[in-house]
């Protein structure tokens, strides 16, 4: 299982700002993090990729 944090999500979404990542990951329709660590929240890469395919299809190829 591959995990991603805010930095990786930022890259997956085309280099958006840290603030924008926080807004997006706080939305009700964004996958729940699987853990909250000292360094921050982490998500399953597959969950984030599925969300991108559904909500940001123009970025799904990357």
Protein backbone atom coordinates (compact mmCIF):
# COMPACT_ATOMS: atom_id res chain seq x y z
CA UNK A 1 0.00 0.00 0.00
CA UNK A 2 1.45 3.32 -1.08
CA UNK A 3 0.78 6.32 1.13
CA UNK A 4 0.84 10.01 0.25
CA UNK A 5 0.93 13.18 2.30
CA UNK A 6 0.06 16.76 1.48
CA UNK A 7 3.28 17.29 -0.49
CA UNK A 8 2.59 14.38 -2.83
CA UNK A 9 -1.04 15.41 -3.24
CA UNK A 10 0.18 18.88 -4.14
CA UNK A 11 2.32 17.40 -6.92
CA UNK A 12 -0.48 15.09 -8.08
CA UNK A 13 -2.75 18.13 -8.45
CA UNK A 14 -0.33 20.04 -10.63
CA UNK A 15 1.74 21.91 -8.06
CA UNK A 16 -1.06 23.77 -6.30
CA UNK A 17 -0.35 25.76 -3.13
CA UNK A 18 -0.16 24.24 0.35
CA UNK A 19 -3.21 26.26 1.32
CA UNK A 20 -5.21 24.90 -1.64
CA UNK A 21 -4.23 21.32 -0.69
CA UNK A 22 -5.57 21.96 2.79
CA UNK A 23 -8.87 23.28 1.38
CA UNK A 24 -9.27 20.34 -1.01
CA UNK A 25 -8.36 17.65 1.53
CA UNK A 26 -10.80 19.19 4.02
CA UNK A 27 -13.75 18.82 1.64
CA UNK A 28 -16.38 16.30 2.58
CA UNK A 29 -15.96 14.42 -0.72
CA UNK A 30 -12.18 13.96 -0.36
CA UNK A 31 -11.09 10.55 0.97
CA UNK A 32 -10.55 10.29 4.70
CA UNK A 33 -6.88 10.04 5.73
CA UNK A 34 -5.92 6.59 6.96
CA UNK A 35 -3.74 8.05 9.72
CA UNK A 36 -2.78 11.32 11.34
CA UNK A 37 0.92 11.32 12.17
CA UNK A 38 3.19 13.92 13.72
CA UNK A 39 4.16 14.99 10.20
CA UNK A 40 0.52 15.29 9.13
CA UNK A 41 -2.25 13.29 7.56
CA UNK A 42 -1.61 10.42 5.15
CA UNK A 43 -3.87 8.90 2.52
CA UNK A 44 -3.80 5.80 0.34
CA UNK A 45 -2.42 6.82 -3.05
CA UNK A 46 -5.12 4.73 -4.75
CA UNK A 47 -7.88 6.65 -2.93
CA UNK A 48 -6.41 10.00 -3.97
CA UNK A 49 -5.94 8.83 -7.57
CA UNK A 50 -9.59 7.70 -7.69
CA UNK A 51 -10.69 11.09 -6.35
CA UNK A 52 -8.59 12.86 -8.99
CA UNK A 53 -10.08 10.70 -11.78
CA UNK A 54 -13.58 11.65 -10.61
CA UNK A 55 -13.11 15.29 -9.64
CA UNK A 56 -10.10 16.49 -11.66
CA UNK A 57 -10.08 14.23 -14.74
CA UNK A 58 -7.81 16.61 -16.65
CA UNK A 59 -5.04 15.68 -14.18
CA UNK A 60 -5.71 11.92 -14.10
CA UNK A 61 -3.12 10.98 -16.71
CA UNK A 62 -0.14 12.20 -14.70
